[in-house]
């Protein structure tokens, strides 16, 4: 997680460990939200040529606070969602001889920070 402005953050996702380097889905936690403030989160390494987000799909949000107060569950959220190419490129990890994928790869060592303490809620 990289803070790029007062209320904006860039997030680099780790690859799904059961694929050859694909990033198809994401799950993360946000803490210390301030009500009434719009936040922006940019997931910078989603690299498929197209996405359902570009066609109007919105991410799901689960709020523990709303669940406790209103018995609310998962809901669609976000505004001004867009999906487009950026300066990042994709290179599939090399498959070792005799390997059946990356099931033993537990991540780490890729420079991705897993500390969500600075990440704030956002609406994209």
Protein backbone atom coordinates (compact mmCIF):
# COMPACT_ATOMS: atom_id res chain seq x y z
CA UNK A 1 0.00 0.00 0.00
CA UNK A 2 1.38 3.38 -1.02
CA UNK A 3 -0.28 6.61 0.09
CA UNK A 4 -0.34 8.89 -2.96
CA UNK A 5 -2.35 11.78 -1.50
CA UNK A 6 -4.27 12.79 1.64
CA UNK A 7 -7.11 10.36 0.83
CA UNK A 8 -5.74 8.28 -2.04
CA UNK A 9 -3.80 5.03 -2.03
CA UNK A 10 -2.23 2.68 -4.58
CA UNK A 11 -2.46 -1.04 -3.93
CA UNK A 12 -0.32 -3.71 -5.62
CA UNK A 13 -1.98 -7.12 -5.41
CA UNK A 14 -0.09 -10.36 -4.88
CA UNK A 15 -0.75 -13.02 -7.51
CA UNK A 16 -3.10 -15.89 -6.76
CA UNK A 17 -0.77 -18.62 -5.48
CA UNK A 18 -2.70 -21.31 -7.35
CA UNK A 19 -2.12 -19.78 -10.79
CA UNK A 20 0.82 -18.93 -13.02
CA UNK A 21 0.86 -15.31 -11.91
CA UNK A 22 -2.73 -14.21 -12.41
CA UNK A 23 -4.56 -11.64 -10.32
CA UNK A 24 -8.28 -12.25 -10.79
CA UNK A 25 -9.80 -11.25 -7.46
CA UNK A 26 -8.93 -9.24 -4.40
CA UNK A 27 -9.78 -9.01 -0.71
CA UNK A 28 -8.41 -6.46 1.72
CA UNK A 29 -9.28 -4.79 5.01
CA UNK A 30 -9.70 -1.07 5.64
CA UNK A 31 -9.46 0.43 9.14
CA UNK A 32 -9.93 3.82 10.85
CA UNK A 33 -12.53 5.21 8.45
CA UNK A 34 -13.67 8.79 8.83
CA UNK A 35 -17.34 9.25 8.00
CA UNK A 36 -18.18 11.69 5.23
CA UNK A 37 -14.77 11.58 3.55
CA UNK A 38 -14.36 10.07 0.08
CA UNK A 39 -11.25 7.95 -0.39
CA UNK A 40 -9.66 6.68 -3.58
CA UNK A 41 -7.99 3.31 -3.91
CA UNK A 42 -6.19 2.43 -7.13
CA UNK A 43 -5.39 -1.24 -7.70
CA UNK A 44 -2.49 -0.72 -10.06
CA UNK A 45 -1.67 -4.22 -11.29
CA UNK A 46 -4.93 -5.59 -12.65
CA UNK A 47 -3.76 -6.29 -16.20
CA UNK A 48 -6.47 -8.05 -18.14
CA UNK A 49 -7.38 -6.22 -21.36
CA UNK A 50 -10.96 -5.76 -20.15
CA UNK A 51 -12.94 -6.13 -16.94
CA UNK A 52 -16.52 -6.25 -15.73
CA UNK A 53 -15.60 -3.15 -13.71
CA UNK A 54 -15.36 -1.32 -17.05
CA UNK A 55 -18.90 -2.49 -17.81
CA UNK A 56 -20.50 -1.20 -14.61
CA UNK A 57 -19.77 -3.88 -12.00
CA UNK A 58 -19.00 -2.48 -8.56
CA UNK A 59 -16.90 -4.03 -5.77
CA UNK A 60 -18.49 -5.63 -2.73
CA UNK A 61 -18.09 -4.09 0.71
CA UNK A 62 -18.66 -5.62 4.13
CA UNK A 63 -18.74 -3.25 7.09
CA UNK A 64 -18.38 -4.81 10.55
CA UNK A 65 -19.83 -1.62 12.08
CA UNK A 66 -22.91 -1.68 9.82
CA UNK A 67 -23.33 -5.40 10.40
CA UNK A 68 -23.39 -4.82 14.16
CA UNK A 69 -25.79 -1.84 13.98
CA UNK A 70 -28.10 -2.75 11.10
CA UNK A 71 -27.44 -6.46 10.51
CA UNK A 72 -26.21 -5.45 7.06
CA UNK A 73 -24.15 -7.87 4.99
CA UNK A 74 -22.17 -7.56 1.78
CA UNK A 75 -23.26 -4.73 -0.53
CA UNK A 76 -22.11 -3.13 -3.79
CA UNK A 77 -20.25 0.14 -3.29
CA UNK A 78 -18.13 2.73 -5.04
CA UNK A 79 -18.55 5.57 -7.50
CA UNK A 80 -16.61 6.59 -10.61
CA UNK A 81 -15.12 3.11 -11.04
CA UNK A 82 -12.87 2.74 -14.05
CA UNK A 83 -10.56 0.12 -15.52
CA UNK A 84 -7.75 0.97 -17.91
CA UNK A 85 -4.16 0.13 -18.85
CA UNK A 86 -1.29 1.84 -17.04
CA UNK A 87 2.52 1.76 -17.12
CA UNK A 88 2.79 -1.67 -15.48
CA UNK A 89 3.44 -4.78 -17.55
CA UNK A 90 2.89 -8.46 -16.86
CA UNK A 91 5.40 -11.28 -17.04
CA UNK A 92 4.26 -14.75 -15.98
CA UNK A 93 6.57 -16.43 -13.49
CA UNK A 94 8.73 -19.18 -14.91
CA UNK A 95 7.49 -22.69 -14.24
CA UNK A 96 10.17 -24.95 -12.79
CA UNK A 97 10.76 -28.30 -14.45
CA UNK A 98 8.50 -30.90 -12.83
CA UNK A 99 6.43 -28.20 -11.11
CA UNK A 100 2.65 -28.31 -11.15
CA UNK A 101 2.09 -24.62 -10.58
CA UNK A 102 2.82 -22.31 -7.68
CA UNK A 103 0.94 -24.13 -4.91
CA UNK A 104 4.01 -24.01 -2.70
CA UNK A 105 4.51 -20.28 -3.23
CA UNK A 106 3.31 -18.48 -0.15
CA UNK A 107 4.22 -15.01 -1.37
CA UNK A 108 6.61 -12.63 0.29
CA UNK A 109 9.84 -11.37 -1.16
CA UNK A 110 7.96 -9.51 -3.88
CA UNK A 111 8.22 -6.08 -2.29
CA UNK A 112 4.49 -5.87 -1.56
CA UNK A 113 3.66 -4.39 1.82
CA UNK A 114 0.94 -6.25 3.69
CA UNK A 115 0.44 -3.58 6.35
CA UNK A 116 -3.09 -2.20 6.06
CA UNK A 117 -2.78 0.11 9.07
CA UNK A 118 -2.43 3.19 6.83
CA UNK A 119 -5.17 2.21 4.39
CA UNK A 120 -8.39 4.17 4.72
CA UNK A 121 -11.86 3.50 3.30
CA UNK A 122 -12.46 4.72 -0.19
CA UNK A 123 -14.96 5.17 -2.92
CA UNK A 124 -13.57 4.79 -6.40
